[in-house]
PDB file of N, CA and C in Angstrom:
ATOM      1  N   MET A   1     192.680  79.959 200.836  1.00  0.00           N
ATOM      2  CA  MET A   1     191.483  79.154 200.964  1.00  0.00           C
ATOM      3  C   MET A   1     191.791  77.749 200.440  1.00  0.00           C
ATOM      4  N   ALA A   2     191.455  76.757 201.226  1.00  0.00           N
ATOM      5  CA  ALA A   2     191.676  75.373 200.824  1.00  0.00           C
ATOM      6  C   ALA A   2     190.621  74.957 199.801  1.00  0.00           C
ATOM      7  N   ILE A   3     191.046  74.213 198.826  1.00  0.00           N
ATOM      8  CA  ILE A   3     190.119  73.680 197.828  1.00  0.00           C
ATOM      9  C   ILE A   3     189.857  72.226 198.183  1.00  0.00           C
ATOM     10  N   LYS A   4     188.609  71.896 198.333  1.00  0.00           N
ATOM     11  CA  LYS A   4     188.184  70.532 198.652  1.00  0.00           C
ATOM     12  C   LYS A   4     187.437  69.965 197.462  1.00  0.00           C
ATOM     13  N   SER A   5     187.351  68.657 197.396  1.00  0.00           N
ATOM     14  CA  SER A   5     186.555  68.045 196.339  1.00  0.00           C
ATOM     15  C   SER A   5     185.430  67.240 196.966  1.00  0.00           C
ATOM     16  N   VAL A   6     184.384  67.084 196.197  1.00  0.00           N
ATOM     17  CA  VAL A   6     183.214  66.343 196.640  1.00  0.00           C
ATOM     18  C   VAL A   6     182.696  65.552 195.436  1.00  0.00           C
ATOM     19  N   SER A   7     182.207  64.375 195.685  1.00  0.00           N
ATOM     20  CA  SER A   7     181.602  63.623 194.584  1.00  0.00           C
ATOM     21  C   SER A   7     180.106  63.533 194.842  1.00  0.00           C
ATOM     22  N   ILE A   8     179.350  63.470 193.782  1.00  0.00           N
ATOM     23  CA  ILE A   8     177.894  63.377 193.912  1.00  0.00           C
ATOM     24  C   ILE A   8     177.393  62.240 193.028  1.00  0.00           C
ATOM     25  N   ARG A   9     176.252  61.715 193.409  1.00  0.00           N
ATOM     26  CA  ARG A   9     175.560  60.749 192.561  1.00  0.00           C
ATOM     27  C   ARG A   9     174.548  61.544 191.752  1.00  0.00           C
ATOM     28  N   ILE A  10     174.532  61.307 190.451  1.00  0.00           N
ATOM     29  CA  ILE A  10     173.635  62.056 189.579  1.00  0.00           C
ATOM     30  C   ILE A  10     173.166  61.145 188.458  1.00  0.00           C
ATOM     31  N   GLU A  11     171.904  61.256 188.126  1.00  0.00           N
ATOM     32  CA  GLU A  11     171.364  60.464 187.030  1.00  0.00           C
ATOM     33  C   GLU A  11     172.047  60.861 185.723  1.00  0.00           C
ATOM     34  N   GLU A  12     172.259  59.888 184.860  1.00  0.00           N
ATOM     35  CA  GLU A  12     172.962  60.138 183.603  1.00  0.00           C
ATOM     36  C   GLU A  12     172.279  61.219 182.769  1.00  0.00           C
ATOM     37  N   GLU A  13     170.957  61.163 182.678  1.00  0.00           N
ATOM     38  CA  GLU A  13     170.227  62.154 181.888  1.00  0.00           C
ATOM     39  C   GLU A  13     170.410  63.560 182.456  1.00  0.00           C
ATOM     40  N   MET A  14     170.390  63.679 183.786  1.00  0.00           N
ATOM     41  CA  MET A  14     170.583  64.980 184.417  1.00  0.00           C
ATOM     42  C   MET A  14     172.001  65.500 184.151  1.00  0.00           C
ATOM     43  N   LEU A  15     172.984  64.619 184.213  1.00  0.00           N
ATOM     44  CA  LEU A  15     174.365  65.019 183.939  1.00  0.00           C
ATOM     45  C   LEU A  15     174.512  65.489 182.495  1.00  0.00           C
ATOM     46  N   LYS A  16     173.863  64.793 181.566  1.00  0.00           N
ATOM     47  CA  LYS A  16     173.921  65.210 180.159  1.00  0.00           C
ATOM     48  C   LYS A  16     173.326  66.601 179.994  1.00  0.00           C
ATOM     49  N   LYS A  17     172.191  66.840 180.649  1.00  0.00           N
ATOM     50  CA  LYS A  17     171.550  68.153 180.547  1.00  0.00           C
ATOM     51  C   LYS A  17     172.399  69.235 181.209  1.00  0.00           C
ATOM     52  N   LEU A  18     172.982  68.907 182.367  1.00  0.00           N
ATOM     53  CA  LEU A  18     173.862  69.860 183.045  1.00  0.00           C
ATOM     54  C   LEU A  18     175.066  70.181 182.168  1.00  0.00           C
ATOM     55  N   SER A  19     175.625  69.169 181.522  1.00  0.00           N
ATOM     56  CA  SER A  19     176.758  69.380 180.622  1.00  0.00           C
ATOM     57  C   SER A  19     176.377  70.291 179.465  1.00  0.00           C
ATOM     58  N   TYR A  20     175.173  70.104 178.944  1.00  0.00           N
ATOM     59  CA  TYR A  20     174.681  70.935 177.846  1.00  0.00           C
ATOM     60  C   TYR A  20     174.596  72.396 178.275  1.00  0.00           C
ATOM     61  N   VAL A  21     173.976  72.631 179.441  1.00  0.00           N
ATOM     62  CA  VAL A  21     173.824  74.000 179.947  1.00  0.00           C
ATOM     63  C   VAL A  21     175.195  74.619 180.220  1.00  0.00           C
ATOM     64  N   ALA A  22     176.071  73.859 180.860  1.00  0.00           N
ATOM     65  CA  ALA A  22     177.416  74.372 181.163  1.00  0.00           C
ATOM     66  C   ALA A  22     178.146  74.750 179.876  1.00  0.00           C
ATOM     67  N   ASP A  23     178.085  73.878 178.870  1.00  0.00           N
ATOM     68  CA  ASP A  23     178.741  74.153 177.598  1.00  0.00           C
ATOM     69  C   ASP A  23     178.137  75.388 176.929  1.00  0.00           C
ATOM     70  N   TYR A  24     176.825  75.513 176.988  1.00  0.00           N
ATOM     71  CA  TYR A  24     176.133  76.677 176.427  1.00  0.00           C
ATOM     72  C   TYR A  24     176.621  77.965 177.085  1.00  0.00           C
ATOM     73  N   GLU A  25     176.864  77.904 178.392  1.00  0.00           N
ATOM     74  CA  GLU A  25     177.337  79.064 179.150  1.00  0.00           C
ATOM     75  C   GLU A  25     178.852  79.249 179.049  1.00  0.00           C
ATOM     76  N   GLY A  26     179.527  78.342 178.341  1.00  0.00           N
ATOM     77  CA  GLY A  26     180.977  78.448 178.158  1.00  0.00           C
ATOM     78  C   GLY A  26     181.769  78.017 179.383  1.00  0.00           C
ATOM     79  N   ARG A  27     181.202  77.081 180.150  1.00  0.00           N
ATOM     80  CA  ARG A  27     181.853  76.620 181.373  1.00  0.00           C
ATOM     81  C   ARG A  27     182.003  75.107 181.349  1.00  0.00           C
ATOM     82  N   SER A  28     182.901  74.638 182.207  1.00  0.00           N
ATOM     83  CA  SER A  28     182.965  73.202 182.476  1.00  0.00           C
ATOM     84  C   SER A  28     181.816  72.872 183.419  1.00  0.00           C
ATOM     85  N   VAL A  29     181.501  71.594 183.555  1.00  0.00           N
ATOM     86  CA  VAL A  29     180.458  71.188 184.498  1.00  0.00           C
ATOM     87  C   VAL A  29     180.855  71.620 185.907  1.00  0.00           C
ATOM     88  N   ASN A  30     182.111  71.414 186.275  1.00  0.00           N
ATOM     89  CA  ASN A  30     182.574  71.801 187.609  1.00  0.00           C
ATOM     90  C   ASN A  30     182.380  73.296 187.857  1.00  0.00           C
ATOM     91  N   SER A  31     182.801  74.115 186.903  1.00  0.00           N
ATOM     92  CA  SER A  31     182.653  75.566 187.060  1.00  0.00           C
ATOM     93  C   SER A  31     181.186  75.965 187.135  1.00  0.00           C
ATOM     94  N   HIS A  32     180.355  75.310 186.352  1.00  0.00           N
ATOM     95  CA  HIS A  32     178.934  75.642 186.361  1.00  0.00           C
ATOM     96  C   HIS A  32     178.295  75.270 187.703  1.00  0.00           C
ATOM     97  N   ILE A  33     178.675  74.136 188.254  1.00  0.00           N
ATOM     98  CA  ILE A  33     178.160  73.736 189.564  1.00  0.00           C
ATOM     99  C   ILE A  33     178.570  74.764 190.617  1.00  0.00           C
ATOM    100  N   LEU A  34     179.798  75.258 190.555  1.00  0.00           N
ATOM    101  CA  LEU A  34     180.242  76.286 191.508  1.00  0.00           C
ATOM    102  C   LEU A  34     179.420  77.565 191.368  1.00  0.00           C
ATOM    103  N   VAL A  35     179.081  77.943 190.138  1.00  0.00           N
ATOM    104  CA  VAL A  35     178.226  79.116 189.919  1.00  0.00           C
ATOM    105  C   VAL A  35     176.871  78.894 190.589  1.00  0.00           C
ATOM    106  N   LEU A  36     176.293  77.708 190.418  1.00  0.00           N
ATOM    107  CA  LEU A  36     174.995  77.405 191.008  1.00  0.00           C
ATOM    108  C   LEU A  36     175.059  77.400 192.530  1.00  0.00           C
ATOM    109  N   ILE A  37     176.134  76.842 193.081  1.00  0.00           N
ATOM    110  CA  ILE A  37     176.294  76.817 194.535  1.00  0.00           C
ATOM    111  C   ILE A  37     176.424  78.237 195.079  1.00  0.00           C
ATOM    112  N   ARG A  38     177.252  79.060 194.451  1.00  0.00           N
ATOM    113  CA  ARG A  38     177.413  80.453 194.907  1.00  0.00           C
ATOM    114  C   ARG A  38     176.091  81.203 194.846  1.00  0.00           C
ATOM    115  N   ARG A  39     175.331  80.983 193.774  1.00  0.00           N
ATOM    116  CA  ARG A  39     174.031  81.641 193.622  1.00  0.00           C
ATOM    117  C   ARG A  39     173.080  81.212 194.747  1.00  0.00           C
ATOM    118  N   ASP A  40     173.086  79.938 195.077  1.00  0.00           N
ATOM    119  CA  ASP A  40     172.212  79.420 196.124  1.00  0.00           C
ATOM    120  C   ASP A  40     172.602  79.974 197.499  1.00  0.00           C
ATOM    121  N   ILE A  41     173.901  80.019 197.784  1.00  0.00           N
ATOM    122  CA  ILE A  41     174.367  80.562 199.065  1.00  0.00           C
ATOM    123  C   ILE A  41     174.012  82.038 199.169  1.00  0.00           C
ATOM    124  N   ARG A  42     174.228  82.794 198.088  1.00  0.00           N
ATOM    125  CA  ARG A  42     173.903  84.227 198.096  1.00  0.00           C
ATOM    126  C   ARG A  42     172.408  84.436 198.349  1.00  0.00           C
ATOM    127  N   ALA A  43     171.556  83.647 197.697  1.00  0.00           N
ATOM    128  CA  ALA A  43     170.104  83.772 197.901  1.00  0.00           C
ATOM    129  C   ALA A  43     169.729  83.416 199.337  1.00  0.00           C
ATOM    130  N   PHE A  44     170.342  82.381 199.888  1.00  0.00           N
ATOM    131  CA  PHE A  44     170.062  81.985 201.270  1.00  0.00           C
ATOM    132  C   PHE A  44     170.441  83.108 202.225  1.00  0.00           C
ATOM    133  N   GLU A  45     171.639  83.682 202.037  1.00  0.00           N
ATOM    134  CA  GLU A  45     172.104  84.737 202.933  1.00  0.00           C
ATOM    135  C   GLU A  45     171.282  86.016 202.780  1.00  0.00           C
ATOM    136  N   GLU A  46     170.809  86.315 201.579  1.00  0.00           N
ATOM    137  CA  GLU A  46     169.950  87.484 201.400  1.00  0.00           C
ATOM    138  C   GLU A  46     168.646  87.317 202.168  1.00  0.00           C
ATOM    139  N   LYS A  47     168.140  86.098 202.222  1.00  0.00           N
ATOM    140  CA  LYS A  47     166.887  85.830 202.909  1.00  0.00           C
ATOM    141  C   LYS A  47     167.073  85.660 204.413  1.00  0.00           C
ATOM    142  N   ASN A  48     168.160  84.998 204.833  1.00  0.00           N
ATOM    143  CA  ASN A  48     168.335  84.595 206.227  1.00  0.00           C
ATOM    144  C   ASN A  48     169.474  85.281 206.965  1.00  0.00           C
ATOM    145  N   GLY A  49     170.227  86.119 206.282  1.00  0.00           N
ATOM    146  CA  GLY A  49     171.382  86.764 206.902  1.00  0.00           C
ATOM    147  C   GLY A  49     172.651  85.964 206.633  1.00  0.00           C
ATOM    148  N   PRO A  50     173.782  86.597 206.866  1.00  0.00           N
ATOM    149  CA  PRO A  50     175.062  85.963 206.560  1.00  0.00           C
ATOM    150  C   PRO A  50     175.311  84.700 207.384  1.00  0.00           C
ATOM    151  N   ILE A  51     175.973  83.773 206.749  1.00  0.00           N
ATOM    152  CA  ILE A  51     176.445  82.580 207.444  1.00  0.00           C
ATOM    153  C   ILE A  51     177.850  82.948 207.915  1.00  0.00           C
ATOM    154  N   GLU A  52     178.032  83.049 209.213  1.00  0.00           N
ATOM    155  CA  GLU A  52     179.311  83.520 209.753  1.00  0.00           C
ATOM    156  C   GLU A  52     180.006  82.445 210.556  1.00  0.00           C
ATOM    157  N   GLY A  53     181.291  82.655 210.778  1.00  0.00           N
ATOM    158  CA  GLY A  53     182.065  81.778 211.638  1.00  0.00           C
ATOM    159  C   GLY A  53     182.403  80.454 210.989  1.00  0.00           C
ATOM    160  N   SER A  54     183.023  79.631 211.791  1.00  0.00           N
ATOM    161  CA  SER A  54     183.429  78.310 211.337  1.00  0.00           C
ATOM    162  C   SER A  54     182.248  77.353 211.472  1.00  0.00           C
ATOM    163  N   ILE A  55     181.990  76.620 210.429  1.00  0.00           N
ATOM    164  CA  ILE A  55     180.897  75.653 210.458  1.00  0.00           C
ATOM    165  C   ILE A  55     181.495  74.282 210.738  1.00  0.00           C
ATOM    166  N   SER A  56     181.243  73.794 211.938  1.00  0.00           N
ATOM    167  CA  SER A  56     181.789  72.515 212.373  1.00  0.00           C
ATOM    168  C   SER A  56     180.970  71.362 211.800  1.00  0.00           C
ATOM    169  N   PRO A  57     181.612  70.268 211.386  1.00  0.00           N
ATOM    170  CA  PRO A  57     180.862  69.135 210.828  1.00  0.00           C
ATOM    171  C   PRO A  57     179.803  68.588 211.777  1.00  0.00           C
ATOM    172  N   ASP A  58     180.025  68.674 213.085  1.00  0.00           N
ATOM    173  CA  ASP A  58     179.034  68.131 214.016  1.00  0.00           C
ATOM    174  C   ASP A  58     177.769  68.975 214.096  1.00  0.00           C
ATOM    175  N   VAL A  59     177.823  70.212 213.621  1.00  0.00           N
ATOM    176  CA  VAL A  59     176.617  71.040 213.601  1.00  0.00           C
ATOM    177  C   VAL A  59     176.169  71.342 212.180  1.00  0.00           C
ATOM    178  N   ASN A  60     176.890  70.825 211.212  1.00  0.00           N
ATOM    179  CA  ASN A  60     176.565  71.067 209.819  1.00  0.00           C
ATOM    180  C   ASN A  60     175.507  70.057 209.362  1.00  0.00           C
ATOM    181  N   VAL A  61     174.317  70.224 209.901  1.00  0.00           N
ATOM    182  CA  VAL A  61     173.206  69.338 209.569  1.00  0.00           C
ATOM    183  C   VAL A  61     172.041  70.175 209.085  1.00  0.00           C
ATOM    184  N   LYS A  62     171.111  69.525 208.438  1.00  0.00           N
ATOM    185  CA  LYS A  62     169.943  70.225 207.923  1.00  0.00           C
ATOM    186  C   LYS A  62     169.126  70.770 209.082  1.00  0.00           C
ATOM    187  N   PRO A  63     168.867  72.081 209.085  1.00  0.00           N
ATOM    188  CA  PRO A  63     168.070  72.652 210.168  1.00  0.00           C
ATOM    189  C   PRO A  63     166.619  72.200 210.079  1.00  0.00           C
ATOM    190  N   ALA A  64     165.935  72.273 211.201  1.00  0.00           N
ATOM    191  CA  ALA A  64     164.516  71.937 211.221  1.00  0.00           C
ATOM    192  C   ALA A  64     163.765  72.910 210.328  1.00  0.00           C
ATOM    193  N   ARG A  65     162.712  72.430 209.728  1.00  0.00           N
ATOM    194  CA  ARG A  65     161.890  73.297 208.879  1.00  0.00           C
ATOM    195  C   ARG A  65     161.211  74.352 209.714  1.00  0.00           C
ATOM    196  N   LYS A  66     161.148  75.539 209.173  1.00  0.00           N
ATOM    197  CA  LYS A  66     160.411  76.619 209.839  1.00  0.00           C
ATOM    198  C   LYS A  66     158.938  76.407 209.555  1.00  0.00           C
ATOM    199  N   HIS A  67     158.140  76.450 210.591  1.00  0.00           N
ATOM    200  CA  HIS A  67     156.703  76.296 210.402  1.00  0.00           C
ATOM    201  C   HIS A  67     156.097  77.634 210.047  1.00  0.00           C
ATOM    202  N   THR A  68     155.259  77.618 209.033  1.00  0.00           N
ATOM    203  CA  THR A  68     154.585  78.844 208.624  1.00  0.00           C
ATOM    204  C   THR A  68     153.096  78.702 208.894  1.00  0.00           C
ATOM    205  N   GLU A  69     152.531  79.788 209.317  1.00  0.00           N
ATOM    206  CA  GLU A  69     151.090  79.800 209.575  1.00  0.00           C
ATOM    207  C   GLU A  69     150.350  79.849 208.248  1.00  0.00           C
ATOM    208  N   LYS A  70     149.269  79.098 208.162  1.00  0.00           N
ATOM    209  CA  LYS A  70     148.475  79.100 206.919  1.00  0.00           C
ATOM    210  C   LYS A  70     147.224  79.899 207.092  1.00  0.00           C
TER     211      LYS A  70
END
């Protein structure tokens, strides 16, 4: 599996709080972010089914919101 890197813009206060939580959990900020991402993907797949196949950048866009009846 290839390892890629990504940079994000984050408010300083949020980064400080994230660092605090990561340190409390005994992780680096990077490792903690990966835990959060894995948790989010798992929750998405539990609700919507597995994400399968190759995800091409040209289709890797935010899907339209599902409309719910009120």
